[in-house]
Amino acid sequence: MKKNKKILRNVFIVAIIIYIVFVIINQQKTLNEYSQDTEDLTQQIASEEEKNDDLNQQKDNVNSLEFIEEMAREKLDMYYPNERVYMDQGM
């Protein structure tokens, strides 16, 4: 009887140890996934902040004369009076 209780207790202890190891391994996998997600999101945030800075810089330049002149030339094909524009027809 005592021997059966001792064996049952040892089996129970081994089962608990196996369960604890299994839980620790699963938690480590989850932590690694969260760590990778954190790194990916940090890179994405940096990229979006850079885009935001570029857009803010562009927003500041919208009312400048240089920007208006550049858009008039590129989008509307407008030029100053008596300004000659040569186009190469050889290509």
PDB file of N, CA and C in Angstrom:
ATOM      1  N   MET A   1       0.813  -1.196   0.000  1.00  0.00           N
ATOM      2  CA  MET A   1       0.000   0.000   0.000  1.00  0.00           C
ATOM      3  C   MET A   1       0.861   1.266   0.000  1.00  0.00           C
ATOM      4  N   LYS A   2       1.879   1.284   0.877  1.00  0.00           N
ATOM      5  CA  LYS A   2       2.755   2.448   0.926  1.00  0.00           C
ATOM      6  C   LYS A   2       3.532   2.595  -0.376  1.00  0.00           C
ATOM      7  N   LYS A   3       3.892   1.452  -0.960  1.00  0.00           N
ATOM      8  CA  LYS A   3       4.656   1.491  -2.199  1.00  0.00           C
ATOM      9  C   LYS A   3       3.788   2.060  -3.333  1.00  0.00           C
ATOM     10  N   ASN A   4       2.506   1.725  -3.375  1.00  0.00           N
ATOM     11  CA  ASN A   4       1.604   2.245  -4.387  1.00  0.00           C
ATOM     12  C   ASN A   4       1.425   3.757  -4.231  1.00  0.00           C
ATOM     13  N   LYS A   5       1.320   4.215  -2.986  1.00  0.00           N
ATOM     14  CA  LYS A   5       1.193   5.663  -2.741  1.00  0.00           C
ATOM     15  C   LYS A   5       2.455   6.391  -3.171  1.00  0.00           C
ATOM     16  N   LYS A   6       3.615   5.787  -2.902  1.00  0.00           N
ATOM     17  CA  LYS A   6       4.887   6.409  -3.283  1.00  0.00           C
ATOM     18  C   LYS A   6       5.014   6.482  -4.804  1.00  0.00           C
ATOM     19  N   ILE A   7       4.647   5.422  -5.490  1.00  0.00           N
ATOM     20  CA  ILE A   7       4.710   5.413  -6.961  1.00  0.00           C
ATOM     21  C   ILE A   7       3.718   6.426  -7.526  1.00  0.00           C
ATOM     22  N   LEU A   8       2.528   6.452  -6.981  1.00  0.00           N
ATOM     23  CA  LEU A   8       1.514   7.402  -7.440  1.00  0.00           C
ATOM     24  C   LEU A   8       1.966   8.845  -7.208  1.00  0.00           C
ATOM     25  N   ARG A   9       2.601   9.083  -6.069  1.00  0.00           N
ATOM     26  CA  ARG A   9       3.109  10.426  -5.766  1.00  0.00           C
ATOM     27  C   ARG A   9       4.222  10.800  -6.741  1.00  0.00           C
ATOM     28  N   ASN A  10       5.130   9.876  -7.039  1.00  0.00           N
ATOM     29  CA  ASN A  10       6.220  10.145  -7.983  1.00  0.00           C
ATOM     30  C   ASN A  10       5.687  10.402  -9.390  1.00  0.00           C
ATOM     31  N   VAL A  11       4.695   9.644  -9.815  1.00  0.00           N
ATOM     32  CA  VAL A  11       4.081   9.855 -11.131  1.00  0.00           C
ATOM     33  C   VAL A  11       3.414  11.229 -11.163  1.00  0.00           C
ATOM     34  N   PHE A  12       2.743  11.579 -10.087  1.00  0.00           N
ATOM     35  CA  PHE A  12       2.087  12.889 -10.004  1.00  0.00           C
ATOM     36  C   PHE A  12       3.115  14.021 -10.077  1.00  0.00           C
ATOM     37  N   ILE A  13       4.240  13.881  -9.394  1.00  0.00           N
ATOM     38  CA  ILE A  13       5.300  14.903  -9.410  1.00  0.00           C
ATOM     39  C   ILE A  13       5.903  15.010 -10.805  1.00  0.00           C
ATOM     40  N   VAL A  14       6.156  13.891 -11.456  1.00  0.00           N
ATOM     41  CA  VAL A  14       6.713  13.908 -12.815  1.00  0.00           C
ATOM     42  C   VAL A  14       5.717  14.560 -13.777  1.00  0.00           C
ATOM     43  N   ALA A  15       4.436  14.276 -13.635  1.00  0.00           N
ATOM     44  CA  ALA A  15       3.418  14.878 -14.490  1.00  0.00           C
ATOM     45  C   ALA A  15       3.376  16.394 -14.292  1.00  0.00           C
ATOM     46  N   ILE A  16       3.483  16.833 -13.053  1.00  0.00           N
ATOM     47  CA  ILE A  16       3.501  18.286 -12.781  1.00  0.00           C
ATOM     48  C   ILE A  16       4.736  18.932 -13.390  1.00  0.00           C
ATOM     49  N   ILE A  17       5.882  18.286 -13.270  1.00  0.00           N
ATOM     50  CA  ILE A  17       7.116  18.836 -13.847  1.00  0.00           C
ATOM     51  C   ILE A  17       7.000  18.921 -15.366  1.00  0.00           C
ATOM     52  N   ILE A  18       6.464  17.877 -15.997  1.00  0.00           N
ATOM     53  CA  ILE A  18       6.283  17.895 -17.458  1.00  0.00           C
ATOM     54  C   ILE A  18       5.321  19.015 -17.855  1.00  0.00           C
ATOM     55  N   TYR A  19       4.256  19.180 -17.115  1.00  0.00           N
ATOM     56  CA  TYR A  19       3.296  20.251 -17.402  1.00  0.00           C
ATOM     57  C   TYR A  19       3.948  21.621 -17.272  1.00  0.00           C
ATOM     58  N   ILE A  20       4.743  21.820 -16.223  1.00  0.00           N
ATOM     59  CA  ILE A  20       5.417  23.108 -16.013  1.00  0.00           C
ATOM     60  C   ILE A  20       6.391  23.393 -17.154  1.00  0.00           C
ATOM     61  N   VAL A  21       7.147  22.388 -17.577  1.00  0.00           N
ATOM     62  CA  VAL A  21       8.092  22.575 -18.693  1.00  0.00           C
ATOM     63  C   VAL A  21       7.326  22.916 -19.968  1.00  0.00           C
ATOM     64  N   PHE A  22       6.230  22.227 -20.211  1.00  0.00           N
ATOM     65  CA  PHE A  22       5.407  22.495 -21.389  1.00  0.00           C
ATOM     66  C   PHE A  22       4.884  23.937 -21.364  1.00  0.00           C
ATOM     67  N   VAL A  23       4.403  24.391 -20.225  1.00  0.00           N
ATOM     68  CA  VAL A  23       3.882  25.760 -20.102  1.00  0.00           C
ATOM     69  C   VAL A  23       4.995  26.777 -20.318  1.00  0.00           C
ATOM     70  N   ILE A  24       6.161  26.538 -19.761  1.00  0.00           N
ATOM     71  CA  ILE A  24       7.290  27.470 -19.908  1.00  0.00           C
ATOM     72  C   ILE A  24       7.706  27.568 -21.383  1.00  0.00           C
ATOM     73  N   ILE A  25       7.765  26.439 -22.073  1.00  0.00           N
ATOM     74  CA  ILE A  25       8.143  26.453 -23.495  1.00  0.00           C
ATOM     75  C   ILE A  25       7.110  27.233 -24.308  1.00  0.00           C
ATOM     76  N   ASN A  26       5.836  27.009 -24.067  1.00  0.00           N
ATOM     77  CA  ASN A  26       4.794  27.739 -24.796  1.00  0.00           C
ATOM     78  C   ASN A  26       4.835  29.231 -24.501  1.00  0.00           C
ATOM     79  N   GLN A  27       5.094  29.590 -23.251  1.00  0.00           N
ATOM     80  CA  GLN A  27       5.186  31.007 -22.905  1.00  0.00           C
ATOM     81  C   GLN A  27       6.393  31.651 -23.563  1.00  0.00           C
ATOM     82  N   GLN A  28       7.492  30.930 -23.666  1.00  0.00           N
ATOM     83  CA  GLN A  28       8.678  31.473 -24.318  1.00  0.00           C
ATOM     84  C   GLN A  28       8.414  31.705 -25.801  1.00  0.00           C
ATOM     85  N   LYS A  29       7.711  30.771 -26.451  1.00  0.00           N
ATOM     86  CA  LYS A  29       7.350  30.962 -27.856  1.00  0.00           C
ATOM     87  C   LYS A  29       6.483  32.204 -28.024  1.00  0.00           C
ATOM     88  N   THR A  30       5.521  32.376 -27.133  1.00  0.00           N
ATOM     89  CA  THR A  30       4.634  33.541 -27.193  1.00  0.00           C
ATOM     90  C   THR A  30       5.413  34.828 -26.979  1.00  0.00           C
ATOM     91  N   LEU A  31       6.326  34.827 -26.026  1.00  0.00           N
ATOM     92  CA  LEU A  31       7.153  36.015 -25.776  1.00  0.00           C
ATOM     93  C   LEU A  31       8.026  36.352 -26.979  1.00  0.00           C
ATOM     94  N   ASN A  32       8.567  35.332 -27.631  1.00  0.00           N
ATOM     95  CA  ASN A  32       9.376  35.578 -28.830  1.00  0.00           C
ATOM     96  C   ASN A  32       8.532  36.184 -29.945  1.00  0.00           C
ATOM     97  N   GLU A  33       7.310  35.693 -30.113  1.00  0.00           N
ATOM     98  CA  GLU A  33       6.417  36.255 -31.136  1.00  0.00           C
ATOM     99  C   GLU A  33       6.090  37.706 -30.813  1.00  0.00           C
ATOM    100  N   TYR A  34       5.803  37.994 -29.547  1.00  0.00           N
ATOM    101  CA  TYR A  34       5.500  39.373 -29.160  1.00  0.00           C
ATOM    102  C   TYR A  34       6.710  40.275 -29.348  1.00  0.00           C
ATOM    103  N   SER A  35       7.879  39.756 -29.066  1.00  0.00           N
ATOM    104  CA  SER A  35       9.095  40.537 -29.258  1.00  0.00           C
ATOM    105  C   SER A  35       9.293  40.874 -30.732  1.00  0.00           C
ATOM    106  N   GLN A  36       9.070  39.896 -31.603  1.00  0.00           N
ATOM    107  CA  GLN A  36       9.198  40.131 -33.047  1.00  0.00           C
ATOM    108  C   GLN A  36       8.151  41.131 -33.517  1.00  0.00           C
ATOM    109  N   ASP A  37       6.928  41.001 -33.026  1.00  0.00           N
ATOM    110  CA  ASP A  37       5.874  41.950 -33.384  1.00  0.00           C
ATOM    111  C   ASP A  37       6.242  43.355 -32.940  1.00  0.00           C
ATOM    112  N   THR A  38       6.835  43.474 -31.754  1.00  0.00           N
ATOM    113  CA  THR A  38       7.249  44.778 -31.243  1.00  0.00           C
ATOM    114  C   THR A  38       8.313  45.401 -32.139  1.00  0.00           C
ATOM    115  N   GLU A  39       9.277  44.594 -32.572  1.00  0.00           N
ATOM    116  CA  GLU A  39      10.316  45.103 -33.469  1.00  0.00           C
ATOM    117  C   GLU A  39       9.720  45.550 -34.805  1.00  0.00           C
ATOM    118  N   ASP A  40       8.815  44.738 -35.346  1.00  0.00           N
ATOM    119  CA  ASP A  40       8.178  45.085 -36.621  1.00  0.00           C
ATOM    120  C   ASP A  40       7.385  46.381 -36.497  1.00  0.00           C
ATOM    121  N   LEU A  41       6.637  46.513 -35.412  1.00  0.00           N
ATOM    122  CA  LEU A  41       5.833  47.726 -35.221  1.00  0.00           C
ATOM    123  C   LEU A  41       6.715  48.941 -34.981  1.00  0.00           C
ATOM    124  N   THR A  42       7.836  48.763 -34.305  1.00  0.00           N
ATOM    125  CA  THR A  42       8.763  49.876 -34.091  1.00  0.00           C
ATOM    126  C   THR A  42       9.323  50.361 -35.418  1.00  0.00           C
ATOM    127  N   GLN A  43       9.669  49.434 -36.295  1.00  0.00           N
ATOM    128  CA  GLN A  43      10.157  49.817 -37.624  1.00  0.00           C
ATOM    129  C   GLN A  43       9.061  50.499 -38.424  1.00  0.00           C
ATOM    130  N   GLN A  44       7.856  49.998 -38.316  1.00  0.00           N
ATOM    131  CA  GLN A  44       6.735  50.604 -39.039  1.00  0.00           C
ATOM    132  C   GLN A  44       6.467  52.015 -38.519  1.00  0.00           C
ATOM    133  N   ILE A  45       6.555  52.209 -37.218  1.00  0.00           N
ATOM    134  CA  ILE A  45       6.360  53.541 -36.639  1.00  0.00           C
ATOM    135  C   ILE A  45       7.426  54.497 -37.150  1.00  0.00           C
ATOM    136  N   ALA A  46       8.674  54.048 -37.193  1.00  0.00           N
ATOM    137  CA  ALA A  46       9.755  54.898 -37.688  1.00  0.00           C
ATOM    138  C   ALA A  46       9.517  55.282 -39.141  1.00  0.00           C
ATOM    139  N   SER A  47       9.075  54.323 -39.940  1.00  0.00           N
ATOM    140  CA  SER A  47       8.796  54.590 -41.345  1.00  0.00           C
ATOM    141  C   SER A  47       7.661  55.602 -41.494  1.00  0.00           C
ATOM    142  N   GLU A  48       6.598  55.422 -40.717  1.00  0.00           N
ATOM    143  CA  GLU A  48       5.456  56.341 -40.799  1.00  0.00           C
ATOM    144  C   GLU A  48       5.822  57.733 -40.290  1.00  0.00           C
ATOM    145  N   GLU A  49       6.674  57.813 -39.281  1.00  0.00           N
ATOM    146  CA  GLU A  49       7.119  59.129 -38.794  1.00  0.00           C
ATOM    147  C   GLU A  49       7.939  59.845 -39.862  1.00  0.00           C
ATOM    148  N   GLU A  50       8.752  59.079 -40.593  1.00  0.00           N
ATOM    149  CA  GLU A  50       9.544  59.673 -41.671  1.00  0.00           C
ATOM    150  C   GLU A  50       8.624  60.196 -42.784  1.00  0.00           C
ATOM    151  N   LYS A  51       7.602  59.400 -43.123  1.00  0.00           N
ATOM    152  CA  LYS A  51       6.630  59.855 -44.123  1.00  0.00           C
ATOM    153  C   LYS A  51       5.903  61.105 -43.635  1.00  0.00           C
ATOM    154  N   ASN A  52       5.561  61.120 -42.365  1.00  0.00           N
ATOM    155  CA  ASN A  52       4.872  62.267 -41.786  1.00  0.00           C
ATOM    156  C   ASN A  52       5.745  63.517 -41.863  1.00  0.00           C
ATOM    157  N   ASP A  53       7.032  63.370 -41.564  1.00  0.00           N
ATOM    158  CA  ASP A  53       7.951  64.508 -41.661  1.00  0.00           C
ATOM    159  C   ASP A  53       8.037  65.020 -43.099  1.00  0.00           C
ATOM    160  N   ASP A  54       8.101  64.082 -44.060  1.00  0.00           N
ATOM    161  CA  ASP A  54       8.153  64.478 -45.470  1.00  0.00           C
ATOM    162  C   ASP A  54       6.879  65.228 -45.872  1.00  0.00           C
ATOM    163  N   LEU A  55       5.738  64.725 -45.420  1.00  0.00           N
ATOM    164  CA  LEU A  55       4.474  65.390 -45.755  1.00  0.00           C
ATOM    165  C   LEU A  55       4.368  66.762 -45.090  1.00  0.00           C
ATOM    166  N   ASN A  56       4.840  66.872 -43.867  1.00  0.00           N
ATOM    167  CA  ASN A  56       4.833  68.186 -43.202  1.00  0.00           C
ATOM    168  C   ASN A  56       5.744  69.168 -43.919  1.00  0.00           C
ATOM    169  N   GLN A  57       6.891  68.674 -44.376  1.00  0.00           N
ATOM    170  CA  GLN A  57       7.806  69.529 -45.125  1.00  0.00           C
ATOM    171  C   GLN A  57       7.173  69.954 -46.453  1.00  0.00           C
ATOM    172  N   GLN A  58       6.507  69.026 -47.103  1.00  0.00           N
ATOM    173  CA  GLN A  58       5.829  69.351 -48.357  1.00  0.00           C
ATOM    174  C   GLN A  58       4.690  70.345 -48.104  1.00  0.00           C
ATOM    175  N   LYS A  59       3.975  70.180 -47.006  1.00  0.00           N
ATOM    176  CA  LYS A  59       2.884  71.084 -46.663  1.00  0.00           C
ATOM    177  C   LYS A  59       3.415  72.504 -46.442  1.00  0.00           C
ATOM    178  N   ASP A  60       4.577  72.596 -45.814  1.00  0.00           N
ATOM    179  CA  ASP A  60       5.173  73.909 -45.586  1.00  0.00           C
ATOM    180  C   ASP A  60       5.609  74.561 -46.894  1.00  0.00           C
ATOM    181  N   ASN A  61       5.994  73.754 -47.879  1.00  0.00           N
ATOM    182  CA  ASN A  61       6.492  74.289 -49.142  1.00  0.00           C
ATOM    183  C   ASN A  61       5.389  74.580 -50.157  1.00  0.00           C
ATOM    184  N   VAL A  62       4.169  74.190 -49.886  1.00  0.00           N
ATOM    185  CA  VAL A  62       3.086  74.340 -50.863  1.00  0.00           C
ATOM    186  C   VAL A  62       2.858  75.802 -51.231  1.00  0.00           C
ATOM    187  N   ASN A  63       2.956  76.703 -50.308  1.00  0.00           N
ATOM    188  CA  ASN A  63       2.686  78.111 -50.579  1.00  0.00           C
ATOM    189  C   ASN A  63       3.910  78.894 -51.033  1.00  0.00           C
ATOM    190  N   SER A  64       5.046  78.229 -51.189  1.00  0.00           N
ATOM    191  CA  SER A  64       6.239  78.943 -51.637  1.00  0.00           C
ATOM    192  C   SER A  64       6.156  79.193 -53.144  1.00  0.00           C
ATOM    193  N   LEU A  65       6.783  80.245 -53.580  1.00  0.00           N
ATOM    194  CA  LEU A  65       6.771  80.592 -55.005  1.00  0.00           C
ATOM    195  C   LEU A  65       7.474  79.543 -55.848  1.00  0.00           C
ATOM    196  N   GLU A  66       8.524  78.959 -55.326  1.00  0.00           N
ATOM    197  CA  GLU A  66       9.246  77.934 -56.080  1.00  0.00           C
ATOM    198  C   GLU A  66       8.341  76.726 -56.355  1.00  0.00           C
ATOM    199  N   PHE A  67       7.574  76.313 -55.361  1.00  0.00           N
ATOM    200  CA  PHE A  67       6.684  75.169 -55.537  1.00  0.00           C
ATOM    201  C   PHE A  67       5.583  75.482 -56.540  1.00  0.00           C
ATOM    202  N   ILE A  68       5.025  76.683 -56.429  1.00  0.00           N
ATOM    203  CA  ILE A  68       3.959  77.083 -57.354  1.00  0.00           C
ATOM    204  C   ILE A  68       4.494  77.133 -58.778  1.00  0.00           C
ATOM    205  N   GLU A  69       5.681  77.685 -58.947  1.00  0.00           N
ATOM    206  CA  GLU A  69       6.279  77.761 -60.279  1.00  0.00           C
ATOM    207  C   GLU A  69       6.562  76.363 -60.826  1.00  0.00           C
ATOM    208  N   GLU A  70       7.080  75.489 -60.002  1.00  0.00           N
ATOM    209  CA  GLU A  70       7.384  74.124 -60.434  1.00  0.00           C
ATOM    210  C   GLU A  70       6.118  73.371 -60.844  1.00  0.00           C
ATOM    211  N   MET A  71       5.053  73.517 -60.079  1.00  0.00           N
ATOM    212  CA  MET A  71       3.794  72.847 -60.418  1.00  0.00           C
ATOM    213  C   MET A  71       3.194  73.433 -61.696  1.00  0.00           C
ATOM    214  N   ALA A  72       3.313  74.753 -61.864  1.00  0.00           N
ATOM    215  CA  ALA A  72       2.792  75.379 -63.082  1.00  0.00           C
ATOM    216  C   ALA A  72       3.551  74.867 -64.300  1.00  0.00           C
ATOM    217  N   ARG A  73       4.852  74.693 -64.171  1.00  0.00           N
ATOM    218  CA  ARG A  73       5.648  74.193 -65.297  1.00  0.00           C
ATOM    219  C   ARG A  73       5.341  72.720 -65.577  1.00  0.00           C
ATOM    220  N   GLU A  74       5.307  71.904 -64.520  1.00  0.00           N
ATOM    221  CA  GLU A  74       5.148  70.463 -64.711  1.00  0.00           C
ATOM    222  C   GLU A  74       3.712  70.064 -65.066  1.00  0.00           C
ATOM    223  N   LYS A  75       2.762  70.560 -64.331  1.00  0.00           N
ATOM    224  CA  LYS A  75       1.381  70.097 -64.490  1.00  0.00           C
ATOM    225  C   LYS A  75       0.603  70.863 -65.558  1.00  0.00           C
ATOM    226  N   LEU A  76       0.870  72.152 -65.665  1.00  0.00           N
ATOM    227  CA  LEU A  76       0.071  72.987 -66.560  1.00  0.00           C
ATOM    228  C   LEU A  76       0.819  73.431 -67.811  1.00  0.00           C
ATOM    229  N   ASP A  77       2.073  73.036 -67.951  1.00  0.00           N
ATOM    230  CA  ASP A  77       2.910  73.448 -69.086  1.00  0.00           C
ATOM    231  C   ASP A  77       2.915  74.952 -69.272  1.00  0.00           C
ATOM    232  N   MET A  78       3.031  75.675 -68.177  1.00  0.00           N
ATOM    233  CA  MET A  78       3.077  77.144 -68.231  1.00  0.00           C
ATOM    234  C   MET A  78       4.531  77.589 -68.142  1.00  0.00           C
ATOM    235  N   TYR A  79       4.847  78.669 -68.882  1.00  0.00           N
ATOM    236  CA  TYR A  79       6.202  79.205 -68.886  1.00  0.00           C
ATOM    237  C   TYR A  79       6.128  80.721 -68.841  1.00  0.00           C
ATOM    238  N   TYR A  80       7.262  81.346 -68.523  1.00  0.00           N
ATOM    239  CA  TYR A  80       7.327  82.808 -68.526  1.00  0.00           C
ATOM    240  C   TYR A  80       7.231  83.325 -69.957  1.00  0.00           C
ATOM    241  N   PRO A  81       6.760  84.563 -70.113  1.00  0.00           N
ATOM    242  CA  PRO A  81       6.718  85.144 -71.467  1.00  0.00           C
ATOM    243  C   PRO A  81       8.138  85.215 -72.044  1.00  0.00           C
ATOM    244  N   ASN A  82       8.247  85.004 -73.326  1.00  0.00           N
ATOM    245  CA  ASN A  82       9.508  85.034 -74.066  1.00  0.00           C
ATOM    246  C   ASN A  82      10.503  83.972 -73.601  1.00  0.00           C
ATOM    247  N   GLU A  83      10.062  83.003 -72.876  1.00  0.00           N
ATOM    248  CA  GLU A  83      10.940  81.912 -72.473  1.00  0.00           C
ATOM    249  C   GLU A  83      10.864  80.843 -73.553  1.00  0.00           C
ATOM    250  N   ARG A  84      11.988  80.465 -74.058  1.00  0.00           N
ATOM    251  CA  ARG A  84      11.998  79.493 -75.138  1.00  0.00           C
ATOM    252  C   ARG A  84      12.179  78.091 -74.571  1.00  0.00           C
ATOM    253  N   VAL A  85      11.363  77.213 -75.071  1.00  0.00           N
ATOM    254  CA  VAL A  85      11.454  75.818 -74.663  1.00  0.00           C
ATOM    255  C   VAL A  85      11.768  75.024 -75.917  1.00  0.00           C
ATOM    256  N   TYR A  86      12.881  74.314 -75.857  1.00  0.00           N
ATOM    257  CA  TYR A  86      13.300  73.535 -77.007  1.00  0.00           C
ATOM    258  C   TYR A  86      12.988  72.075 -76.724  1.00  0.00           C
ATOM    259  N   MET A  87      12.412  71.451 -77.742  1.00  0.00           N
ATOM    260  CA  MET A  87      12.113  70.035 -77.628  1.00  0.00           C
ATOM    261  C   MET A  87      12.920  69.296 -78.697  1.00  0.00           C
ATOM    262  N   ASP A  88      13.577  68.240 -78.287  1.00  0.00           N
ATOM    263  CA  ASP A  88      14.387  67.449 -79.201  1.00  0.00           C
ATOM    264  C   ASP A  88      13.468  66.469 -79.927  1.00  0.00           C
ATOM    265  N   GLN A  89      13.317  66.660 -81.225  1.00  0.00           N
ATOM    266  CA  GLN A  89      12.441  65.807 -82.032  1.00  0.00           C
ATOM    267  C   GLN A  89      13.199  64.620 -82.612  1.00  0.00           C
ATOM    268  N   GLY A  90      14.490  64.558 -82.392  1.00  0.00           N
ATOM    269  CA  GLY A  90      15.317  63.526 -82.998  1.00  0.00           C
ATOM    270  C   GLY A  90      15.146  62.163 -82.345  1.00  0.00           C
ATOM    271  N   MET A  91      14.570  62.090 -81.204  1.00  0.00           N
ATOM    272  CA  MET A  91      14.475  60.805 -80.514  1.00  0.00           C
ATOM    273  C   MET A  91      13.226  60.130 -80.823  1.00  0.00           C
TER     274      MET A  91
END
